[in-house]
Amino acid sequence: MAPRPFLRRPRPGSWHGPPSSVVWWAGQLRTGDVVRGAYGAVPMALVHEVDIAAVAVRALADDGFPDAFVDALLDGHAGMLAAPRPVTTGTIETVTGTPARTFRDWVADHIADFG
C-alpha cells in the first residue's frame, strides 16, 4: 500500500509551532508540501508540549492525583502477577544476527546512572 498524504503544509502564518513529536516531518516538508505516512487519513489533534507540561503540573499539584496514580500503578502490577509470564523469542538475534542483550548487560551499560 502506498503511503497516503499525512499533512499538507498550511498557509503561511496559520501554524504556530508543531509539537516536538512531529519534528520528523521536517525533512519531508523541506522537500515538498506533503508528509506521507502509513496512516495518512488518521485524524490527529496536535498538542503543544508546553500545554502538555502545564496540564501535568496542574495534575501533579492536585492532592488527589498522586493517590489515583499510585492506585492504578499498583493495580496494574497486581494484575500482571496473574497474567502469563512474558515469552521471549529469538527475533532480535534473527533480525540482527546478535543475541538479545541481558538485563545484566543493561545494568553494566547504565551503572553510572545509579552512581
N, C-alpha and C. Protein backbone atom coordinates (compact mmCIF):
# COMPACT_ATOMS: atom_id res chain seq x y z
N MET A 1 0.84 -1.17 0.00
CA MET A 1 0.00 0.00 0.00
C MET A 1 0.89 1.24 0.00
N ALA A 2 0.66 2.15 -0.91
CA ALA A 2 1.44 3.37 -0.99
C ALA A 2 1.09 4.30 0.16
N PRO A 3 2.08 4.99 0.71
CA PRO A 3 1.78 5.94 1.78
C PRO A 3 0.81 7.01 1.29
N ARG A 4 -0.09 7.39 2.17
CA ARG A 4 -1.07 8.41 1.84
C ARG A 4 -0.64 9.75 2.41
N PRO A 5 -1.10 10.86 1.84
CA PRO A 5 -0.75 12.16 2.41
C PRO A 5 -1.16 12.23 3.88
N PHE A 6 -0.26 12.70 4.69
CA PHE A 6 -0.48 12.76 6.13
C PHE A 6 -0.80 14.18 6.56
N LEU A 7 -0.13 15.12 5.96
CA LEU A 7 -0.28 16.51 6.33
C LEU A 7 0.10 17.37 5.15
N ARG A 8 -0.66 18.37 4.90
CA ARG A 8 -0.29 19.35 3.88
C ARG A 8 0.18 20.60 4.58
N ARG A 9 1.21 21.24 4.03
CA ARG A 9 1.75 22.45 4.62
C ARG A 9 0.63 23.49 4.71
N PRO A 10 0.41 24.07 5.86
CA PRO A 10 -0.65 25.07 6.00
C PRO A 10 -0.26 26.40 5.37
N ARG A 11 -1.23 27.27 5.28
CA ARG A 11 -0.96 28.62 4.78
C ARG A 11 0.09 29.27 5.66
N PRO A 12 0.96 30.12 5.12
CA PRO A 12 1.95 30.82 5.96
C PRO A 12 1.25 31.55 7.10
N GLY A 13 1.82 31.39 8.29
CA GLY A 13 1.29 32.07 9.45
C GLY A 13 0.12 31.37 10.12
N SER A 14 -0.34 30.24 9.58
CA SER A 14 -1.51 29.59 10.19
C SER A 14 -1.12 28.46 11.13
N TRP A 15 0.15 28.15 11.23
CA TRP A 15 0.59 27.05 12.07
C TRP A 15 1.66 27.58 13.01
N HIS A 16 1.41 27.55 14.28
CA HIS A 16 2.33 28.15 15.24
C HIS A 16 3.04 27.07 16.04
N GLY A 17 4.11 26.55 15.51
CA GLY A 17 4.95 25.60 16.22
C GLY A 17 4.32 24.25 16.44
N PRO A 18 4.72 23.23 15.65
CA PRO A 18 4.18 21.88 15.83
C PRO A 18 4.72 21.25 17.10
N PRO A 19 4.04 20.26 17.64
CA PRO A 19 4.58 19.53 18.79
C PRO A 19 5.91 18.88 18.42
N SER A 20 6.79 18.77 19.39
CA SER A 20 8.11 18.21 19.11
C SER A 20 8.04 16.78 18.62
N SER A 21 6.96 16.07 18.91
CA SER A 21 6.85 14.68 18.49
C SER A 21 6.68 14.53 16.98
N VAL A 22 6.45 15.61 16.27
CA VAL A 22 6.29 15.53 14.82
C VAL A 22 7.43 16.22 14.08
N VAL A 23 8.53 16.47 14.77
CA VAL A 23 9.68 17.09 14.14
C VAL A 23 10.19 16.24 12.98
N TRP A 24 9.95 14.94 13.04
CA TRP A 24 10.40 14.05 11.96
C TRP A 24 9.72 14.37 10.64
N TRP A 25 8.68 15.18 10.64
CA TRP A 25 8.05 15.61 9.38
C TRP A 25 8.91 16.63 8.65
N ALA A 26 9.83 17.25 9.33
CA ALA A 26 10.58 18.38 8.77
C ALA A 26 11.26 18.04 7.45
N GLY A 27 11.89 16.88 7.37
CA GLY A 27 12.59 16.52 6.13
C GLY A 27 11.66 16.45 4.94
N GLN A 28 10.49 15.85 5.13
CA GLN A 28 9.53 15.75 4.03
C GLN A 28 8.98 17.13 3.67
N LEU A 29 8.78 17.99 4.66
CA LEU A 29 8.26 19.32 4.37
C LEU A 29 9.31 20.18 3.65
N ARG A 30 10.58 19.95 3.94
CA ARG A 30 11.63 20.70 3.25
C ARG A 30 11.68 20.37 1.76
N THR A 31 11.32 19.15 1.42
CA THR A 31 11.41 18.73 0.01
C THR A 31 10.08 18.79 -0.71
N GLY A 32 9.02 19.21 -0.04
CA GLY A 32 7.72 19.30 -0.69
C GLY A 32 6.69 19.87 0.25
N ASP A 33 5.43 19.72 -0.10
CA ASP A 33 4.39 20.27 0.76
C ASP A 33 3.45 19.21 1.32
N VAL A 34 3.85 17.93 1.23
CA VAL A 34 3.03 16.84 1.74
C VAL A 34 3.91 15.90 2.57
N VAL A 35 3.40 15.50 3.74
CA VAL A 35 4.05 14.48 4.56
C VAL A 35 3.29 13.19 4.34
N ARG A 36 4.02 12.11 4.05
CA ARG A 36 3.37 10.83 3.80
C ARG A 36 3.64 9.87 4.96
N GLY A 37 2.63 9.04 5.25
CA GLY A 37 2.76 8.06 6.31
C GLY A 37 1.81 6.91 6.05
N ALA A 38 2.00 5.83 6.79
CA ALA A 38 1.18 4.64 6.58
C ALA A 38 -0.30 4.89 6.85
N TYR A 39 -0.60 5.77 7.76
CA TYR A 39 -2.00 6.04 8.12
C TYR A 39 -2.28 7.53 7.94
N GLY A 40 -2.10 8.01 6.74
CA GLY A 40 -2.26 9.43 6.45
C GLY A 40 -3.64 9.98 6.71
N ALA A 41 -4.65 9.13 6.68
CA ALA A 41 -6.01 9.61 6.87
C ALA A 41 -6.41 9.66 8.35
N VAL A 42 -5.53 9.22 9.25
CA VAL A 42 -5.86 9.21 10.67
C VAL A 42 -5.91 10.65 11.19
N PRO A 43 -7.05 11.05 11.76
CA PRO A 43 -7.13 12.41 12.30
C PRO A 43 -6.33 12.51 13.59
N MET A 44 -5.68 13.62 13.78
CA MET A 44 -4.89 13.84 14.99
C MET A 44 -5.18 15.22 15.54
N ALA A 45 -5.10 15.33 16.84
CA ALA A 45 -5.15 16.63 17.49
C ALA A 45 -3.74 16.88 18.00
N LEU A 46 -3.04 17.80 17.40
CA LEU A 46 -1.67 18.09 17.79
C LEU A 46 -1.68 19.03 18.98
N VAL A 47 -1.02 18.61 20.05
CA VAL A 47 -0.99 19.39 21.28
C VAL A 47 0.44 19.83 21.53
N HIS A 48 0.62 21.12 21.76
CA HIS A 48 1.95 21.68 22.01
C HIS A 48 2.50 21.13 23.32
N GLU A 49 3.80 20.82 23.34
CA GLU A 49 4.41 20.23 24.54
C GLU A 49 4.32 21.14 25.76
N VAL A 50 4.27 22.45 25.58
CA VAL A 50 4.12 23.37 26.72
C VAL A 50 2.74 23.20 27.35
N ASP A 51 1.72 22.96 26.51
CA ASP A 51 0.38 22.70 27.05
C ASP A 51 0.34 21.38 27.81
N ILE A 52 1.01 20.36 27.29
CA ILE A 52 1.07 19.07 27.98
C ILE A 52 1.75 19.24 29.34
N ALA A 53 2.84 19.99 29.36
CA ALA A 53 3.56 20.23 30.62
C ALA A 53 2.69 20.99 31.61
N ALA A 54 1.94 21.98 31.13
CA ALA A 54 1.07 22.76 32.02
C ALA A 54 0.00 21.88 32.65
N VAL A 55 -0.57 20.97 31.86
CA VAL A 55 -1.57 20.06 32.40
C VAL A 55 -0.92 19.12 33.42
N ALA A 56 0.28 18.64 33.13
CA ALA A 56 0.98 17.75 34.06
C ALA A 56 1.24 18.46 35.39
N VAL A 57 1.65 19.71 35.34
CA VAL A 57 1.90 20.47 36.58
C VAL A 57 0.62 20.57 37.40
N ARG A 58 -0.48 20.91 36.74
CA ARG A 58 -1.76 21.02 37.47
C ARG A 58 -2.17 19.67 38.05
N ALA A 59 -1.99 18.60 37.28
CA ALA A 59 -2.38 17.27 37.76
C ALA A 59 -1.54 16.85 38.96
N LEU A 60 -0.25 17.12 38.90
CA LEU A 60 0.64 16.73 39.99
C LEU A 60 0.43 17.59 41.23
N ALA A 61 -0.05 18.81 41.05
CA ALA A 61 -0.30 19.70 42.17
C ALA A 61 -1.62 19.37 42.87
N ASP A 62 -2.49 18.65 42.20
CA ASP A 62 -3.79 18.27 42.75
C ASP A 62 -3.56 17.14 43.77
N ASP A 63 -4.04 17.33 44.98
CA ASP A 63 -3.81 16.35 46.05
C ASP A 63 -4.29 14.95 45.70
N GLY A 64 -5.36 14.83 44.91
CA GLY A 64 -5.90 13.51 44.60
C GLY A 64 -5.16 12.77 43.52
N PHE A 65 -4.37 13.48 42.71
CA PHE A 65 -3.72 12.84 41.57
C PHE A 65 -2.71 11.78 41.98
N PRO A 66 -1.74 12.09 42.88
CA PRO A 66 -0.75 11.03 43.20
C PRO A 66 -1.39 9.76 43.73
N ASP A 67 -2.43 9.90 44.57
CA ASP A 67 -3.07 8.70 45.11
C ASP A 67 -3.70 7.87 44.01
N ALA A 68 -4.40 8.53 43.09
CA ALA A 68 -5.05 7.80 41.99
C ALA A 68 -4.00 7.14 41.10
N PHE A 69 -2.89 7.82 40.86
CA PHE A 69 -1.83 7.25 40.03
C PHE A 69 -1.23 6.02 40.69
N VAL A 70 -0.91 6.13 41.97
CA VAL A 70 -0.30 5.01 42.69
C VAL A 70 -1.26 3.83 42.72
N ASP A 71 -2.55 4.10 42.98
CA ASP A 71 -3.53 3.01 43.00
C ASP A 71 -3.58 2.29 41.65
N ALA A 72 -3.62 3.06 40.57
CA ALA A 72 -3.67 2.46 39.23
C ALA A 72 -2.39 1.67 38.95
N LEU A 73 -1.25 2.21 39.35
CA LEU A 73 0.02 1.52 39.13
C LEU A 73 0.07 0.19 39.89
N LEU A 74 -0.32 0.23 41.16
CA LEU A 74 -0.29 -1.00 41.96
C LEU A 74 -1.31 -2.01 41.46
N ASP A 75 -2.50 -1.54 41.06
CA ASP A 75 -3.50 -2.46 40.49
C ASP A 75 -2.96 -3.11 39.22
N GLY A 76 -2.27 -2.33 38.39
CA GLY A 76 -1.69 -2.88 37.17
C GLY A 76 -0.65 -3.94 37.46
N HIS A 77 0.19 -3.67 38.44
CA HIS A 77 1.22 -4.66 38.80
C HIS A 77 0.60 -5.91 39.37
N ALA A 78 -0.44 -5.75 40.19
CA ALA A 78 -1.12 -6.92 40.76
C ALA A 78 -1.74 -7.75 39.64
N GLY A 79 -2.30 -7.09 38.64
CA GLY A 79 -2.87 -7.82 37.51
C GLY A 79 -1.82 -8.59 36.73
N MET A 80 -0.62 -8.04 36.67
CA MET A 80 0.46 -8.73 35.94
C MET A 80 0.87 -10.02 36.65
N LEU A 81 0.70 -10.06 37.98
CA LEU A 81 1.04 -11.29 38.71
C LEU A 81 0.18 -12.46 38.26
N ALA A 82 -1.07 -12.18 37.90
CA ALA A 82 -2.00 -13.23 37.48
C ALA A 82 -1.87 -13.55 36.00
N ALA A 83 -1.21 -12.72 35.25
CA ALA A 83 -1.09 -12.91 33.80
C ALA A 83 0.01 -13.93 33.49
N PRO A 84 -0.06 -14.55 32.32
CA PRO A 84 1.02 -15.46 31.92
C PRO A 84 2.35 -14.69 31.82
N ARG A 85 3.43 -15.38 32.12
CA ARG A 85 4.75 -14.74 32.03
C ARG A 85 5.05 -14.38 30.59
N PRO A 86 5.75 -13.28 30.38
CA PRO A 86 6.10 -12.90 29.01
C PRO A 86 6.96 -13.97 28.35
N VAL A 87 6.76 -14.14 27.07
CA VAL A 87 7.52 -15.12 26.31
C VAL A 87 8.60 -14.37 25.53
N THR A 88 9.83 -14.82 25.68
CA THR A 88 10.90 -14.22 24.89
C THR A 88 11.13 -15.10 23.66
N THR A 89 11.53 -14.46 22.59
CA THR A 89 11.75 -15.18 21.34
C THR A 89 13.16 -14.90 20.86
N GLY A 90 13.51 -15.47 19.76
CA GLY A 90 14.83 -15.24 19.16
C GLY A 90 14.78 -14.17 18.08
N THR A 91 13.74 -13.35 18.07
CA THR A 91 13.56 -12.38 17.00
C THR A 91 14.73 -11.41 16.87
N ILE A 92 15.23 -10.90 18.00
CA ILE A 92 16.34 -9.94 17.93
C ILE A 92 17.54 -10.58 17.26
N GLU A 93 17.87 -11.80 17.66
CA GLU A 93 19.01 -12.48 17.05
C GLU A 93 18.74 -12.80 15.58
N THR A 94 17.52 -13.16 15.25
CA THR A 94 17.17 -13.43 13.85
C THR A 94 17.35 -12.19 12.99
N VAL A 95 16.90 -11.06 13.50
CA VAL A 95 16.96 -9.82 12.73
C VAL A 95 18.36 -9.24 12.69
N THR A 96 19.05 -9.23 13.83
CA THR A 96 20.34 -8.53 13.90
C THR A 96 21.55 -9.44 13.76
N GLY A 97 21.35 -10.76 13.96
CA GLY A 97 22.48 -11.68 13.92
C GLY A 97 23.22 -11.74 15.25
N THR A 98 22.74 -11.02 16.25
CA THR A 98 23.36 -10.97 17.56
C THR A 98 22.31 -11.28 18.62
N PRO A 99 22.64 -12.12 19.61
CA PRO A 99 21.66 -12.41 20.65
C PRO A 99 21.22 -11.13 21.38
N ALA A 100 19.98 -11.15 21.87
CA ALA A 100 19.49 -10.01 22.65
C ALA A 100 20.36 -9.84 23.89
N ARG A 101 20.55 -8.60 24.27
CA ARG A 101 21.32 -8.31 25.47
C ARG A 101 20.49 -8.68 26.70
N THR A 102 21.20 -9.03 27.77
CA THR A 102 20.55 -9.43 29.01
C THR A 102 20.33 -8.21 29.91
N PHE A 103 19.55 -8.41 30.96
CA PHE A 103 19.39 -7.35 31.94
C PHE A 103 20.74 -7.03 32.58
N ARG A 104 21.57 -8.06 32.79
CA ARG A 104 22.92 -7.84 33.34
C ARG A 104 23.71 -6.90 32.43
N ASP A 105 23.58 -7.08 31.10
CA ASP A 105 24.24 -6.18 30.15
C ASP A 105 23.74 -4.76 30.32
N TRP A 106 22.42 -4.61 30.46
CA TRP A 106 21.83 -3.28 30.61
C TRP A 106 22.37 -2.60 31.87
N VAL A 107 22.42 -3.36 32.96
CA VAL A 107 22.93 -2.80 34.21
C VAL A 107 24.36 -2.34 34.04
N ALA A 108 25.19 -3.17 33.41
CA ALA A 108 26.59 -2.80 33.19
C ALA A 108 26.70 -1.52 32.34
N ASP A 109 25.84 -1.40 31.34
CA ASP A 109 25.86 -0.22 30.48
C ASP A 109 25.38 1.04 31.19
N HIS A 110 24.56 0.88 32.24
CA HIS A 110 23.96 2.04 32.91
C HIS A 110 24.36 2.21 34.36
N ILE A 111 25.39 1.51 34.80
CA ILE A 111 25.78 1.55 36.20
C ILE A 111 26.09 2.97 36.67
N ALA A 112 26.64 3.80 35.79
CA ALA A 112 26.96 5.18 36.17
C ALA A 112 25.71 5.99 36.45
N ASP A 113 24.59 5.61 35.88
CA ASP A 113 23.34 6.32 36.14
C ASP A 113 22.88 6.18 37.58
N PHE A 114 23.40 5.18 38.29
CA PHE A 114 22.99 4.92 39.65
C PHE A 114 24.04 5.35 40.66
N GLY A 115 25.11 6.01 40.19
CA GLY A 115 26.25 6.28 40.98
C GLY A 115 26.35 7.40 41.83
